[in-house]
Amino acid sequence: MESKFIHAVPNFSEGRRKEVVEAIVSELRDIDGVKLIDYYPDPDFNRTVVEVIGKPEPLKEALLNMAGKAYELINMEEQRGNHPRIGALDTLPIFPLVNITLEECVVIAEEIGQEIYNRYQVPVYFSGENARCEERKSLDYIRKGQFEGLREVAHLPERAPDIGPPALHQTAGATIVSSAMTGFVAVNVILGTADLNIAKNIARAVRGPSGGFSTIRSMALYFEQRGQVAVSMTMFDTNKTPIYRVFNLIVDEANRYGVPVVGTQIIGTLPQEALISCAEYFLKLENFNRDQIIENHLIGL
């Protein structure tokens, strides 16, 4: 029987204390059937994005251990950063990778969410394919008010967690667990200005709910170390909405304010095809064949 593999991208609310980041990420290291791809601490966001793949059972156990370490070492009453968050382990999305269906990932996400509460008494919200209602498919809806605001209204039925009492954990907050068909691509387009309002206006033009691209969610962020702002995007389908198309819109909108685009960051991994489509567009490649990429010929050797 062929092995099944899933892809998980947990985000936890610490990106400044190296020893804490290392302790949390270490829960994913050196486990049979699990491969830690990389992790990306960001001091401005005070957040770390982790990418890991593995067989369902060992990966599920590793993710639960990582969650416990995050809850132990991160105190949300003290945590501050530029990225929206409601919990020490803020989000835990999983995606089918090889020989596994979305339906199976939905079940695995449910199991992880229930076990998080059973082990640690940290409440769980379900999003994506696991969302209990249409509104909760959106992270923005769940995280409205962030940790500080959500704990004041979590007793209301429309804002209460899906698992656990209608309240947040005092120090760990809550965790959003989800599943989806394809992994998202995280992209920051950095602007040559410190004016956060400009980035907010452009983010509003880009994201689906406010009239932009239906497959994109975006927000404005300020990078303190750079003194610049960024349009930070989660791209859920780079086939339907290629990166170059969104990039061009951001350039056009920034030009309205006399602001240049000074750089682009890809956070984590992305499909090879997403970059090839950018090369085809900007280089105006003619009759380009994927077999012209020499590394593709290594497959099957």
C-alpha atoms as a PDB file:
ATOM      1  CA  MET A   1       0.000   0.000   0.000  1.00  0.00           C
ATOM      2  CA  GLU A   2       1.323   3.426  -0.961  1.00  0.00           C
ATOM      3  CA  SER A   3       2.075   5.762   1.916  1.00  0.00           C
ATOM      4  CA  LYS A   4      -0.106   8.795   2.537  1.00  0.00           C
ATOM      5  CA  PHE A   5       1.357  12.222   3.240  1.00  0.00           C
ATOM      6  CA  ILE A   6      -0.106  15.491   4.458  1.00  0.00           C
ATOM      7  CA  HIS A   7       1.288  19.017   4.522  1.00  0.00           C
ATOM      8  CA  ALA A   8       0.862  21.164   7.637  1.00  0.00           C
ATOM      9  CA  VAL A   9       1.664  24.861   8.102  1.00  0.00           C
ATOM     10  CA  PRO A  10       1.296  25.713  11.799  1.00  0.00           C
ATOM     11  CA  ASN A  11       1.704  29.364  12.812  1.00  0.00           C
ATOM     12  CA  PHE A  12       2.597  30.221  16.391  1.00  0.00           C
ATOM     13  CA  SER A  13       2.773  33.617  18.068  1.00  0.00           C
ATOM     14  CA  GLU A  14       6.487  33.982  18.762  1.00  0.00           C
ATOM     15  CA  GLY A  15       9.170  35.249  16.405  1.00  0.00           C
ATOM     16  CA  ARG A  16      11.577  37.126  18.648  1.00  0.00           C
ATOM     17  CA  ARG A  17      12.812  34.764  21.359  1.00  0.00           C
ATOM     18  CA  LYS A  18      15.068  32.325  19.538  1.00  0.00           C
ATOM     19  CA  GLU A  19      15.181  29.828  22.394  1.00  0.00           C
ATOM     20  CA  VAL A  20      11.377  29.621  22.498  1.00  0.00           C
ATOM     21  CA  VAL A  21      11.091  29.196  18.721  1.00  0.00           C
ATOM     22  CA  GLU A  22      13.698  26.429  18.770  1.00  0.00           C
ATOM     23  CA  ALA A  23      12.007  24.612  21.646  1.00  0.00           C
ATOM     24  CA  ILE A  24       8.657  24.597  19.848  1.00  0.00           C
ATOM     25  CA  VAL A  25      10.047  23.600  16.450  1.00  0.00           C
ATOM     26  CA  SER A  26      12.166  20.845  18.050  1.00  0.00           C
ATOM     27  CA  GLU A  27       8.953  18.914  18.706  1.00  0.00           C
ATOM     28  CA  LEU A  28       8.831  18.276  14.931  1.00  0.00           C
ATOM     29  CA  ARG A  29      12.434  17.139  14.481  1.00  0.00           C
ATOM     30  CA  ASP A  30      13.886  13.640  14.118  1.00  0.00           C
ATOM     31  CA  ILE A  31      10.584  11.763  14.002  1.00  0.00           C
ATOM     32  CA  ASP A  32      10.125   8.789  11.687  1.00  0.00           C
ATOM     33  CA  GLY A  33       7.572   9.626   9.023  1.00  0.00           C
ATOM     34  CA  VAL A  34       7.860  13.394   9.584  1.00  0.00           C
ATOM     35  CA  LYS A  35      10.020  15.923   7.720  1.00  0.00           C
ATOM     36  CA  LEU A  36      10.461  19.493   8.925  1.00  0.00           C
ATOM     37  CA  ILE A  37      10.874  21.536   5.745  1.00  0.00           C
ATOM     38  CA  ASP A  38      11.724  24.874   7.351  1.00  0.00           C
ATOM     39  CA  TYR A  39      10.466  27.582   9.685  1.00  0.00           C
ATOM     40  CA  TYR A  40      10.350  31.336   9.359  1.00  0.00           C
ATOM     41  CA  PRO A  41      10.505  33.488  12.508  1.00  0.00           C
ATOM     42  CA  ASP A  42       9.497  37.117  11.943  1.00  0.00           C
ATOM     43  CA  PRO A  43      10.337  39.598  14.720  1.00  0.00           C
ATOM     44  CA  ASP A  44       8.062  42.333  13.354  1.00  0.00           C
ATOM     45  CA  PHE A  45       5.068  40.010  13.260  1.00  0.00           C
ATOM     46  CA  ASN A  46       6.315  38.206  16.402  1.00  0.00           C
ATOM     47  CA  ARG A  47       5.197  35.063  14.645  1.00  0.00           C
ATOM     48  CA  THR A  48       6.756  31.921  13.203  1.00  0.00           C
ATOM     49  CA  VAL A  49       5.429  29.974  10.237  1.00  0.00           C
ATOM     50  CA  VAL A  50       6.433  26.300  10.104  1.00  0.00           C
ATOM     51  CA  GLU A  51       6.234  23.947   7.132  1.00  0.00           C
ATOM     52  CA  VAL A  52       6.217  20.222   7.765  1.00  0.00           C
ATOM     53  CA  ILE A  53       5.125  17.143   5.845  1.00  0.00           C
ATOM     54  CA  GLY A  54       4.583  13.603   6.993  1.00  0.00           C
ATOM     55  CA  LYS A  55       2.515  10.481   7.331  1.00  0.00           C
ATOM     56  CA  PRO A  56      -0.790  11.216   9.080  1.00  0.00           C
ATOM     57  CA  GLU A  57      -0.342   9.433  12.408  1.00  0.00           C
ATOM     58  CA  PRO A  58       3.234  10.436  13.327  1.00  0.00           C
ATOM     59  CA  LEU A  59       2.680  13.962  12.013  1.00  0.00           C
ATOM     60  CA  LYS A  60      -0.539  14.337  13.989  1.00  0.00           C
ATOM     61  CA  GLU A  61       1.255  13.351  17.210  1.00  0.00           C
ATOM     62  CA  ALA A  62       4.170  15.695  16.439  1.00  0.00           C
ATOM     63  CA  LEU A  63       1.801  18.605  15.830  1.00  0.00           C
ATOM     64  CA  LEU A  64       0.030  17.958  19.116  1.00  0.00           C
ATOM     65  CA  ASN A  65       3.348  17.930  20.974  1.00  0.00           C
ATOM     66  CA  MET A  66       4.331  21.166  19.245  1.00  0.00           C
ATOM     67  CA  ALA A  67       1.010  22.692  20.296  1.00  0.00           C
ATOM     68  CA  GLY A  68       1.628  21.757  23.908  1.00  0.00           C
ATOM     69  CA  LYS A  69       5.085  23.333  23.881  1.00  0.00           C
ATOM     70  CA  ALA A  70       3.693  26.545  22.351  1.00  0.00           C
ATOM     71  CA  TYR A  71       0.991  26.743  25.026  1.00  0.00           C
ATOM     72  CA  GLU A  72       3.632  26.183  27.707  1.00  0.00           C
ATOM     73  CA  LEU A  73       6.089  28.832  26.523  1.00  0.00           C
ATOM     74  CA  ILE A  74       3.913  31.623  25.057  1.00  0.00           C
ATOM     75  CA  ASN A  75       1.770  33.851  27.247  1.00  0.00           C
ATOM     76  CA  MET A  76      -0.812  35.682  25.148  1.00  0.00           C
ATOM     77  CA  GLU A  77      -1.386  38.240  27.903  1.00  0.00           C
ATOM     78  CA  GLU A  78       2.180  39.426  27.265  1.00  0.00           C
ATOM     79  CA  GLN A  79       2.541  38.725  23.534  1.00  0.00           C
ATOM     80  CA  ARG A  80       2.578  41.683  21.133  1.00  0.00           C
ATOM     81  CA  GLY A  81       3.189  41.793  17.384  1.00  0.00           C
ATOM     82  CA  ASN A  82       2.039  43.228  14.078  1.00  0.00           C
ATOM     83  CA  HIS A  83       0.188  40.122  12.914  1.00  0.00           C
ATOM     84  CA  PRO A  84      -3.421  39.322  13.930  1.00  0.00           C
ATOM     85  CA  ARG A  85      -3.538  36.433  16.417  1.00  0.00           C
ATOM     86  CA  ILE A  86      -5.796  34.789  18.980  1.00  0.00           C
ATOM     87  CA  GLY A  87      -3.551  32.122  20.426  1.00  0.00           C
ATOM     88  CA  ALA A  88      -0.082  30.818  21.225  1.00  0.00           C
ATOM     89  CA  LEU A  89      -0.558  28.260  18.448  1.00  0.00           C
ATOM     90  CA  ASP A  90      -2.631  30.577  16.326  1.00  0.00           C
ATOM     91  CA  THR A  91      -3.463  28.522  13.240  1.00  0.00           C
ATOM     92  CA  LEU A  92      -2.959  24.879  12.280  1.00  0.00           C
ATOM     93  CA  PRO A  93      -3.994  24.230   8.656  1.00  0.00           C
ATOM     94  CA  ILE A  94      -3.436  20.865   6.982  1.00  0.00           C
ATOM     95  CA  PHE A  95      -3.573  19.944   3.304  1.00  0.00           C
ATOM     96  CA  PRO A  96      -3.571  16.684   1.323  1.00  0.00           C
ATOM     97  CA  LEU A  97      -0.201  16.070  -0.302  1.00  0.00           C
ATOM     98  CA  VAL A  98       0.189  12.499  -1.652  1.00  0.00           C
ATOM     99  CA  ASN A  99      -2.254   9.557  -1.813  1.00  0.00           C
ATOM    100  CA  ILE A 100      -4.730  11.184   0.581  1.00  0.00           C
ATOM    101  CA  THR A 101      -8.047  12.915   0.006  1.00  0.00           C
ATOM    102  CA  LEU A 102      -9.417  16.186   1.291  1.00  0.00           C
ATOM    103  CA  GLU A 103     -12.128  14.241   3.097  1.00  0.00           C
ATOM    104  CA  GLU A 104      -9.483  12.308   5.027  1.00  0.00           C
ATOM    105  CA  CYS A 105      -7.750  15.574   5.955  1.00  0.00           C
ATOM    106  CA  VAL A 106     -11.044  16.974   7.236  1.00  0.00           C
ATOM    107  CA  VAL A 107     -11.288  13.997   9.607  1.00  0.00           C
ATOM    108  CA  ILE A 108      -7.663  14.399  10.714  1.00  0.00           C
ATOM    109  CA  ALA A 109      -8.220  18.107  11.414  1.00  0.00           C
ATOM    110  CA  GLU A 110     -11.260  17.222  13.542  1.00  0.00           C
ATOM    111  CA  GLU A 111      -9.200  14.696  15.491  1.00  0.00           C
ATOM    112  CA  ILE A 112      -6.405  17.196  16.066  1.00  0.00           C
ATOM    113  CA  GLY A 113      -8.836  19.870  17.239  1.00  0.00           C
ATOM    114  CA  GLN A 114     -10.539  17.538  19.698  1.00  0.00           C
ATOM    115  CA  GLU A 115      -7.239  16.235  21.045  1.00  0.00           C
ATOM    116  CA  ILE A 116      -5.882  19.774  21.523  1.00  0.00           C
ATOM    117  CA  TYR A 117      -8.748  20.456  23.888  1.00  0.00           C
ATOM    118  CA  ASN A 118      -8.589  17.044  25.565  1.00  0.00           C
ATOM    119  CA  ARG A 119      -4.869  17.346  26.334  1.00  0.00           C
ATOM    120  CA  TYR A 120      -4.426  21.052  26.982  1.00  0.00           C
ATOM    121  CA  GLN A 121      -7.903  22.518  27.602  1.00  0.00           C
ATOM    122  CA  VAL A 122      -7.243  25.108  24.905  1.00  0.00           C
ATOM    123  CA  PRO A 123     -10.418  25.917  22.947  1.00  0.00           C
ATOM    124  CA  VAL A 124     -10.522  25.350  19.200  1.00  0.00           C
ATOM    125  CA  TYR A 125     -12.147  27.132  16.289  1.00  0.00           C
ATOM    126  CA  PHE A 126     -12.576  25.236  13.014  1.00  0.00           C
ATOM    127  CA  SER A 127     -12.081  27.000   9.683  1.00  0.00           C
ATOM    128  CA  GLY A 128     -11.670  26.109   6.008  1.00  0.00           C
ATOM    129  CA  GLU A 129     -13.399  22.842   5.098  1.00  0.00           C
ATOM    130  CA  ASN A 130     -13.984  22.188   8.798  1.00  0.00           C
ATOM    131  CA  ALA A 131     -15.857  25.448   9.409  1.00  0.00           C
ATOM    132  CA  ARG A 132     -19.184  25.058  11.182  1.00  0.00           C
ATOM    133  CA  CYS A 133     -20.674  28.025   9.306  1.00  0.00           C
ATOM    134  CA  GLU A 134     -19.838  30.080   6.212  1.00  0.00           C
ATOM    135  CA  GLU A 135     -18.477  33.016   8.211  1.00  0.00           C
ATOM    136  CA  ARG A 136     -15.901  30.853   9.964  1.00  0.00           C
ATOM    137  CA  LYS A 137     -14.281  29.863   6.699  1.00  0.00           C
ATOM    138  CA  SER A 138     -12.629  33.278   7.006  1.00  0.00           C
ATOM    139  CA  LEU A 139      -9.753  33.681   9.457  1.00  0.00           C
ATOM    140  CA  ASP A 140     -10.505  37.393   9.586  1.00  0.00           C
ATOM    141  CA  TYR A 141     -13.968  36.689  10.970  1.00  0.00           C
ATOM    142  CA  ILE A 142     -12.663  34.361  13.675  1.00  0.00           C
ATOM    143  CA  ARG A 143      -9.769  36.658  14.630  1.00  0.00           C
ATOM    144  CA  LYS A 144     -11.786  39.878  14.712  1.00  0.00           C
ATOM    145  CA  GLY A 145     -10.662  41.775  17.787  1.00  0.00           C
ATOM    146  CA  GLN A 146      -7.628  39.505  18.177  1.00  0.00           C
ATOM    147  CA  PHE A 147      -6.837  37.835  21.502  1.00  0.00           C
ATOM    148  CA  GLU A 148      -7.700  40.879  23.583  1.00  0.00           C
ATOM    149  CA  GLY A 149     -11.006  41.581  21.864  1.00  0.00           C
ATOM    150  CA  LEU A 150     -12.128  38.009  21.319  1.00  0.00           C
ATOM    151  CA  ARG A 151     -11.824  37.034  24.973  1.00  0.00           C
ATOM    152  CA  GLU A 152     -14.343  39.781  25.799  1.00  0.00           C
ATOM    153  CA  VAL A 153     -16.990  38.372  23.435  1.00  0.00           C
ATOM    154  CA  ALA A 154     -16.191  34.633  23.341  1.00  0.00           C
ATOM    155  CA  HIS A 155     -19.204  34.015  25.591  1.00  0.00           C
ATOM    156  CA  LEU A 156     -21.526  35.058  22.748  1.00  0.00           C
ATOM    157  CA  PRO A 157     -22.864  32.120  20.675  1.00  0.00           C
ATOM    158  CA  GLU A 158     -21.681  33.615  17.385  1.00  0.00           C
ATOM    159  CA  ARG A 159     -18.117  34.095  18.698  1.00  0.00           C
ATOM    160  CA  ALA A 160     -17.722  31.079  20.984  1.00  0.00           C
ATOM    161  CA  PRO A 161     -15.177  28.333  20.177  1.00  0.00           C
ATOM    162  CA  ASP A 162     -16.323  25.176  18.391  1.00  0.00           C
ATOM    163  CA  ILE A 163     -14.669  22.970  21.007  1.00  0.00           C
ATOM    164  CA  GLY A 164     -14.387  23.980  24.640  1.00  0.00           C
ATOM    165  CA  PRO A 165     -16.243  26.421  26.865  1.00  0.00           C
ATOM    166  CA  PRO A 166     -17.333  29.872  25.603  1.00  0.00           C
ATOM    167  CA  ALA A 167     -14.086  31.497  26.697  1.00  0.00           C
ATOM    168  CA  LEU A 168     -10.410  31.671  25.765  1.00  0.00           C
ATOM    169  CA  HIS A 169      -7.617  30.014  27.711  1.00  0.00           C
ATOM    170  CA  GLN A 170      -6.121  32.657  29.984  1.00  0.00           C
ATOM    171  CA  THR A 171      -2.579  32.444  28.606  1.00  0.00           C
ATOM    172  CA  ALA A 172      -2.804  30.207  25.510  1.00  0.00           C
ATOM    173  CA  GLY A 173      -5.863  31.840  23.919  1.00  0.00           C
ATOM    174  CA  ALA A 174      -7.370  29.603  21.246  1.00  0.00           C
ATOM    175  CA  THR A 175      -6.229  27.724  18.143  1.00  0.00           C
ATOM    176  CA  ILE A 176      -7.776  27.705  14.673  1.00  0.00           C
ATOM    177  CA  VAL A 177      -7.614  24.255  13.045  1.00  0.00           C
ATOM    178  CA  SER A 178      -8.533  23.840   9.378  1.00  0.00           C
ATOM    179  CA  SER A 179      -8.174  21.765   6.247  1.00  0.00           C
ATOM    180  CA  ALA A 180      -8.256  22.770   2.595  1.00  0.00           C
ATOM    181  CA  MET A 181      -7.656  21.229  -0.808  1.00  0.00           C
ATOM    182  CA  THR A 182      -4.486  23.071  -1.746  1.00  0.00           C
ATOM    183  CA  GLY A 183      -1.772  24.668   0.301  1.00  0.00           C
ATOM    184  CA  PHE A 184      -1.760  28.430   0.293  1.00  0.00           C
ATOM    185  CA  VAL A 185       1.129  30.632  -0.757  1.00  0.00           C
ATOM    186  CA  ALA A 186       2.082  33.504   1.549  1.00  0.00           C
ATOM    187  CA  VAL A 187       3.415  36.568  -0.278  1.00  0.00           C
ATOM    188  CA  ASN A 188       4.480  39.969   1.069  1.00  0.00           C
ATOM    189  CA  VAL A 189       4.831  42.791  -1.454  1.00  0.00           C
ATOM    190  CA  ILE A 190       6.911  45.521   0.197  1.00  0.00           C
ATOM    191  CA  LEU A 191       6.302  49.186  -0.553  1.00  0.00           C
ATOM    192  CA  GLY A 192       8.808  52.029  -0.404  1.00  0.00           C
ATOM    193  CA  THR A 193       6.870  53.947   2.236  1.00  0.00           C
ATOM    194  CA  ALA A 194       6.102  53.859   5.940  1.00  0.00           C
ATOM    195  CA  ASP A 195       2.502  54.992   5.361  1.00  0.00           C
ATOM    196  CA  LEU A 196       0.332  52.121   6.613  1.00  0.00           C
ATOM    197  CA  ASN A 197      -2.822  53.708   5.183  1.00  0.00           C
ATOM    198  CA  ILE A 198      -1.482  53.297   1.646  1.00  0.00           C
ATOM    199  CA  ALA A 199      -0.864  49.596   2.245  1.00  0.00           C
ATOM    200  CA  LYS A 200      -4.345  49.251   3.765  1.00  0.00           C
ATOM    201  CA  ASN A 201      -5.948  50.820   0.696  1.00  0.00           C
ATOM    202  CA  ILE A 202      -4.044  48.519  -1.651  1.00  0.00           C
ATOM    203  CA  ALA A 203      -4.802  45.443   0.473  1.00  0.00           C
ATOM    204  CA  ARG A 204      -8.487  46.353   0.290  1.00  0.00           C
ATOM    205  CA  ALA A 205      -8.271  46.515  -3.522  1.00  0.00           C
ATOM    206  CA  VAL A 206      -6.572  43.105  -3.670  1.00  0.00           C
ATOM    207  CA  ARG A 207      -8.602  40.909  -1.328  1.00  0.00           C
ATOM    208  CA  GLY A 208     -11.707  39.087  -2.434  1.00  0.00           C
ATOM    209  CA  PRO A 209     -14.292  40.224   0.157  1.00  0.00           C
ATOM    210  CA  SER A 210     -13.755  43.897  -0.697  1.00  0.00           C
ATOM    211  CA  GLY A 211     -13.901  43.505  -4.483  1.00  0.00           C
ATOM    212  CA  GLY A 212     -10.498  42.118  -5.397  1.00  0.00           C
ATOM    213  CA  PHE A 213      -9.445  38.564  -6.236  1.00  0.00           C
ATOM    214  CA  SER A 214     -11.733  35.877  -4.842  1.00  0.00           C
ATOM    215  CA  THR A 215      -8.807  33.555  -4.033  1.00  0.00           C
ATOM    216  CA  ILE A 216      -6.849  36.115  -2.009  1.00  0.00           C
ATOM    217  CA  ARG A 217      -6.989  37.463   1.518  1.00  0.00           C
ATOM    218  CA  SER A 218      -4.711  40.389   2.300  1.00  0.00           C
ATOM    219  CA  MET A 219      -3.865  42.940   4.935  1.00  0.00           C
ATOM    220  CA  ALA A 220      -1.410  45.761   5.544  1.00  0.00           C
ATOM    221  CA  LEU A 221       1.600  45.238   7.780  1.00  0.00           C
ATOM    222  CA  TYR A 222       4.360  47.496   9.049  1.00  0.00           C
ATOM    223  CA  PHE A 223       7.956  46.227   9.220  1.00  0.00           C
ATOM    224  CA  GLU A 224       9.564  48.120  12.074  1.00  0.00           C
ATOM    225  CA  GLN A 225      13.114  47.048  11.257  1.00  0.00           C
ATOM    226  CA  ARG A 226      12.775  48.216   7.650  1.00  0.00           C
ATOM    227  CA  GLY A 227      10.581  51.242   8.292  1.00  0.00           C
ATOM    228  CA  GLN A 228       8.382  50.083   5.412  1.00  0.00           C
ATOM    229  CA  VAL A 229       4.926  48.656   4.919  1.00  0.00           C
ATOM    230  CA  ALA A 230       3.782  45.606   2.986  1.00  0.00           C
ATOM    231  CA  VAL A 231       0.693  44.198   1.388  1.00  0.00           C
ATOM    232  CA  SER A 232       0.669  40.755   2.995  1.00  0.00           C
ATOM    233  CA  MET A 233      -1.330  38.145   1.084  1.00  0.00           C
ATOM    234  CA  THR A 234      -2.522  34.616   1.515  1.00  0.00           C
ATOM    235  CA  MET A 235      -3.033  33.225  -1.988  1.00  0.00           C
ATOM    236  CA  PHE A 236      -5.268  30.167  -1.957  1.00  0.00           C
ATOM    237  CA  ASP A 237      -5.004  29.260  -5.658  1.00  0.00           C
ATOM    238  CA  THR A 238      -2.064  30.477  -7.744  1.00  0.00           C
ATOM    239  CA  ASN A 239      -3.447  28.705 -10.804  1.00  0.00           C
ATOM    240  CA  LYS A 240      -6.656  30.732 -10.871  1.00  0.00           C
ATOM    241  CA  THR A 241      -4.918  33.890  -9.682  1.00  0.00           C
ATOM    242  CA  PRO A 242      -1.238  33.919 -10.716  1.00  0.00           C
ATOM    243  CA  ILE A 243       1.234  35.880  -8.607  1.00  0.00           C
ATOM    244  CA  TYR A 244       2.167  38.149 -11.521  1.00  0.00           C
ATOM    245  CA  ARG A 245      -1.436  39.287 -11.955  1.00  0.00           C
ATOM    246  CA  VAL A 246      -1.729  40.407  -8.338  1.00  0.00           C
ATOM    247  CA  PHE A 247       1.758  41.904  -8.370  1.00  0.00           C
ATOM    248  CA  ASN A 248       0.857  44.071 -11.361  1.00  0.00           C
ATOM    249  CA  LEU A 249      -2.288  45.324  -9.631  1.00  0.00           C
ATOM    250  CA  ILE A 250      -0.283  46.258  -6.542  1.00  0.00           C
ATOM    251  CA  VAL A 251       2.274  48.111  -8.692  1.00  0.00           C
ATOM    252  CA  ASP A 252      -0.515  50.041 -10.446  1.00  0.00           C
ATOM    253  CA  GLU A 253      -2.244  50.926  -7.173  1.00  0.00           C
ATOM    254  CA  ALA A 254       1.050  51.975  -5.566  1.00  0.00           C
ATOM    255  CA  ASN A 255       1.792  54.252  -8.521  1.00  0.00           C
ATOM    256  CA  ARG A 256      -1.343  56.211  -7.681  1.00  0.00           C
ATOM    257  CA  TYR A 257       0.354  57.287  -4.471  1.00  0.00           C
ATOM    258  CA  GLY A 258       3.797  57.806  -6.019  1.00  0.00           C
ATOM    259  CA  VAL A 259       5.111  54.810  -4.101  1.00  0.00           C
ATOM    260  CA  PRO A 260       7.418  52.132  -5.551  1.00  0.00           C
ATOM    261  CA  VAL A 261       7.314  48.393  -4.955  1.00  0.00           C
ATOM    262  CA  VAL A 262      10.747  47.597  -3.520  1.00  0.00           C
ATOM    263  CA  GLY A 263      10.608  43.843  -2.993  1.00  0.00           C
ATOM    264  CA  THR A 264       8.612  40.644  -2.745  1.00  0.00           C
ATOM    265  CA  GLN A 265       8.893  37.946  -0.093  1.00  0.00           C
ATOM    266  CA  ILE A 266       7.677  34.380  -0.501  1.00  0.00           C
ATOM    267  CA  ILE A 267       7.052  32.954   2.966  1.00  0.00           C
ATOM    268  CA  GLY A 268       7.453  29.208   2.994  1.00  0.00           C
ATOM    269  CA  THR A 269       7.142  26.939  -0.027  1.00  0.00           C
ATOM    270  CA  LEU A 270       5.118  27.304  -3.195  1.00  0.00           C
ATOM    271  CA  PRO A 271       4.391  25.210  -6.296  1.00  0.00           C
ATOM    272  CA  GLN A 272       7.060  25.325  -8.989  1.00  0.00           C
ATOM    273  CA  GLU A 273       4.353  26.234 -11.485  1.00  0.00           C
ATOM    274  CA  ALA A 274       3.641  29.479  -9.619  1.00  0.00           C
ATOM    275  CA  LEU A 275       7.128  30.770 -10.417  1.00  0.00           C
ATOM    276  CA  ILE A 276       7.185  29.365 -13.946  1.00  0.00           C
ATOM    277  CA  SER A 277       4.011  31.290 -14.780  1.00  0.00           C
ATOM    278  CA  CYS A 278       5.706  34.499 -13.571  1.00  0.00           C
ATOM    279  CA  ALA A 279       8.738  33.775 -15.759  1.00  0.00           C
ATOM    280  CA  GLU A 280       6.501  33.122 -18.768  1.00  0.00           C
ATOM    281  CA  TYR A 281       4.663  36.380 -18.229  1.00  0.00           C
ATOM    282  CA  PHE A 282       7.521  38.773 -17.461  1.00  0.00           C
ATOM    283  CA  LEU A 283      10.023  37.217 -19.910  1.00  0.00           C
ATOM    284  CA  LYS A 284       7.361  36.763 -22.592  1.00  0.00           C
ATOM    285  CA  LEU A 285       8.545  33.191 -23.085  1.00  0.00           C
ATOM    286  CA  GLU A 286       7.392  31.548 -26.307  1.00  0.00           C
ATOM    287  CA  ASN A 287       6.465  27.861 -26.520  1.00  0.00           C
ATOM    288  CA  PHE A 288       8.153  27.120 -23.208  1.00  0.00           C
ATOM    289  CA  ASN A 289       8.102  23.444 -22.293  1.00  0.00           C
ATOM    290  CA  ARG A 290       8.437  22.179 -18.719  1.00  0.00           C
ATOM    291  CA  ASP A 291      10.905  19.583 -20.005  1.00  0.00           C
ATOM    292  CA  GLN A 292      13.301  22.495 -20.567  1.00  0.00           C
ATOM    293  CA  ILE A 293      13.783  22.632 -16.793  1.00  0.00           C
ATOM    294  CA  ILE A 294      16.671  20.232 -16.336  1.00  0.00           C
ATOM    295  CA  GLU A 295      15.812  19.277 -12.746  1.00  0.00           C
ATOM    296  CA  ASN A 296      12.502  17.857 -13.951  1.00  0.00           C
ATOM    297  CA  HIS A 297      14.446  15.101 -15.696  1.00  0.00           C
ATOM    298  CA  LEU A 298      15.739  13.855 -12.353  1.00  0.00           C
ATOM    299  CA  ILE A 299      12.299  12.510 -11.499  1.00  0.00           C
ATOM    300  CA  GLY A 300      12.249   8.774 -12.014  1.00  0.00           C
ATOM    301  CA  LEU A 301      16.039   8.305 -12.134  1.00  0.00           C
END
